[in-house]
């Protein structure tokens, strides 16, 4: 029996992070905003990858 996992998606802050990163692609910017990336991009992506039914696991995404 498959269980349903609710994935809330990406917030406007995630989109803004990538827009800002495009304009300010530097190590300093990355380090200053790494916590935002973890919270707004990485965690929702991990939830999305864990959400397909078990028959499709492990689901992997590549850049």
C-alpha atoms as a PDB file:
ATOM      1  CA  UNK A   1       0.000   0.000   0.000  1.00  0.00           C
ATOM      2  CA  UNK A   2       1.494   3.319  -1.089  1.00  0.00           C
ATOM      3  CA  UNK A   3       1.463   6.252   1.249  1.00  0.00           C
ATOM      4  CA  UNK A   4       0.943   9.775   0.015  1.00  0.00           C
ATOM      5  CA  UNK A   5       3.559  12.400   0.792  1.00  0.00           C
ATOM      6  CA  UNK A   6       2.595  16.038   0.538  1.00  0.00           C
ATOM      7  CA  UNK A   7       5.159  18.147  -1.265  1.00  0.00           C
ATOM      8  CA  UNK A   8       4.652  21.859  -0.780  1.00  0.00           C
ATOM      9  CA  UNK A   9       6.874  22.954  -3.664  1.00  0.00           C
ATOM     10  CA  UNK A  10       9.331  25.765  -3.977  1.00  0.00           C
ATOM     11  CA  UNK A  11       8.715  29.153  -2.435  1.00  0.00           C
ATOM     12  CA  UNK A  12       9.143  32.541  -4.102  1.00  0.00           C
ATOM     13  CA  UNK A  13      12.310  32.860  -1.979  1.00  0.00           C
ATOM     14  CA  UNK A  14      13.839  29.927  -3.893  1.00  0.00           C
ATOM     15  CA  UNK A  15      13.167  31.641  -7.216  1.00  0.00           C
ATOM     16  CA  UNK A  16      14.579  34.886  -5.881  1.00  0.00           C
ATOM     17  CA  UNK A  17      17.680  33.054  -4.649  1.00  0.00           C
ATOM     18  CA  UNK A  18      18.436  31.805  -8.173  1.00  0.00           C
ATOM     19  CA  UNK A  19      17.785  35.234  -9.695  1.00  0.00           C
ATOM     20  CA  UNK A  20      20.152  36.823  -7.185  1.00  0.00           C
ATOM     21  CA  UNK A  21      22.725  34.081  -7.708  1.00  0.00           C
ATOM     22  CA  UNK A  22      22.662  34.733 -11.443  1.00  0.00           C
ATOM     23  CA  UNK A  23      23.455  38.419 -10.795  1.00  0.00           C
ATOM     24  CA  UNK A  24      25.976  37.826  -8.003  1.00  0.00           C
ATOM     25  CA  UNK A  25      27.602  34.493  -8.767  1.00  0.00           C
ATOM     26  CA  UNK A  26      30.408  34.614  -6.221  1.00  0.00           C
ATOM     27  CA  UNK A  27      31.660  32.543  -3.336  1.00  0.00           C
ATOM     28  CA  UNK A  28      30.795  35.344  -0.943  1.00  0.00           C
ATOM     29  CA  UNK A  29      27.170  35.427  -2.112  1.00  0.00           C
ATOM     30  CA  UNK A  30      26.913  31.634  -1.897  1.00  0.00           C
ATOM     31  CA  UNK A  31      28.305  31.498   1.639  1.00  0.00           C
ATOM     32  CA  UNK A  32      26.069  34.356   2.788  1.00  0.00           C
ATOM     33  CA  UNK A  33      22.950  32.620   1.399  1.00  0.00           C
ATOM     34  CA  UNK A  34      23.775  28.948   1.878  1.00  0.00           C
ATOM     35  CA  UNK A  35      21.224  28.582   4.702  1.00  0.00           C
ATOM     36  CA  UNK A  36      18.501  29.982   2.422  1.00  0.00           C
ATOM     37  CA  UNK A  37      19.503  27.474  -0.291  1.00  0.00           C
ATOM     38  CA  UNK A  38      19.343  24.573   2.171  1.00  0.00           C
ATOM     39  CA  UNK A  39      15.937  25.616   3.522  1.00  0.00           C
ATOM     40  CA  UNK A  40      14.199  26.852   0.369  1.00  0.00           C
ATOM     41  CA  UNK A  41      15.762  24.697  -2.372  1.00  0.00           C
ATOM     42  CA  UNK A  42      17.478  21.589  -1.063  1.00  0.00           C
ATOM     43  CA  UNK A  43      14.863  20.505   1.502  1.00  0.00           C
ATOM     44  CA  UNK A  44      11.881  20.885  -0.889  1.00  0.00           C
ATOM     45  CA  UNK A  45      13.848  19.041  -3.613  1.00  0.00           C
ATOM     46  CA  UNK A  46      14.614  16.186  -1.207  1.00  0.00           C
ATOM     47  CA  UNK A  47      10.906  15.971  -0.318  1.00  0.00           C
ATOM     48  CA  UNK A  48      10.005  15.911  -4.008  1.00  0.00           C
ATOM     49  CA  UNK A  49      12.482  13.107  -4.702  1.00  0.00           C
ATOM     50  CA  UNK A  50      11.090  11.100  -1.773  1.00  0.00           C
ATOM     51  CA  UNK A  51       7.462  11.568  -2.849  1.00  0.00           C
ATOM     52  CA  UNK A  52       7.054   9.059  -5.728  1.00  0.00           C
ATOM     53  CA  UNK A  53       5.636   5.656  -4.733  1.00  0.00           C
ATOM     54  CA  UNK A  54       8.052   3.012  -3.503  1.00  0.00           C
ATOM     55  CA  UNK A  55       7.959   1.198  -6.846  1.00  0.00           C
ATOM     56  CA  UNK A  56       9.808   4.183  -8.386  1.00  0.00           C
ATOM     57  CA  UNK A  57      12.362   4.529  -5.587  1.00  0.00           C
ATOM     58  CA  UNK A  58      15.141   5.345  -5.335  1.00  0.00           C
ATOM     59  CA  UNK A  59      14.324   8.321  -7.547  1.00  0.00           C
ATOM     60  CA  UNK A  60      17.376  10.318  -8.571  1.00  0.00           C
ATOM     61  CA  UNK A  61      17.775  13.692 -10.223  1.00  0.00           C
ATOM     62  CA  UNK A  62      20.851  14.845 -12.039  1.00  0.00           C
ATOM     63  CA  UNK A  63      21.895  18.384 -12.796  1.00  0.00           C
END
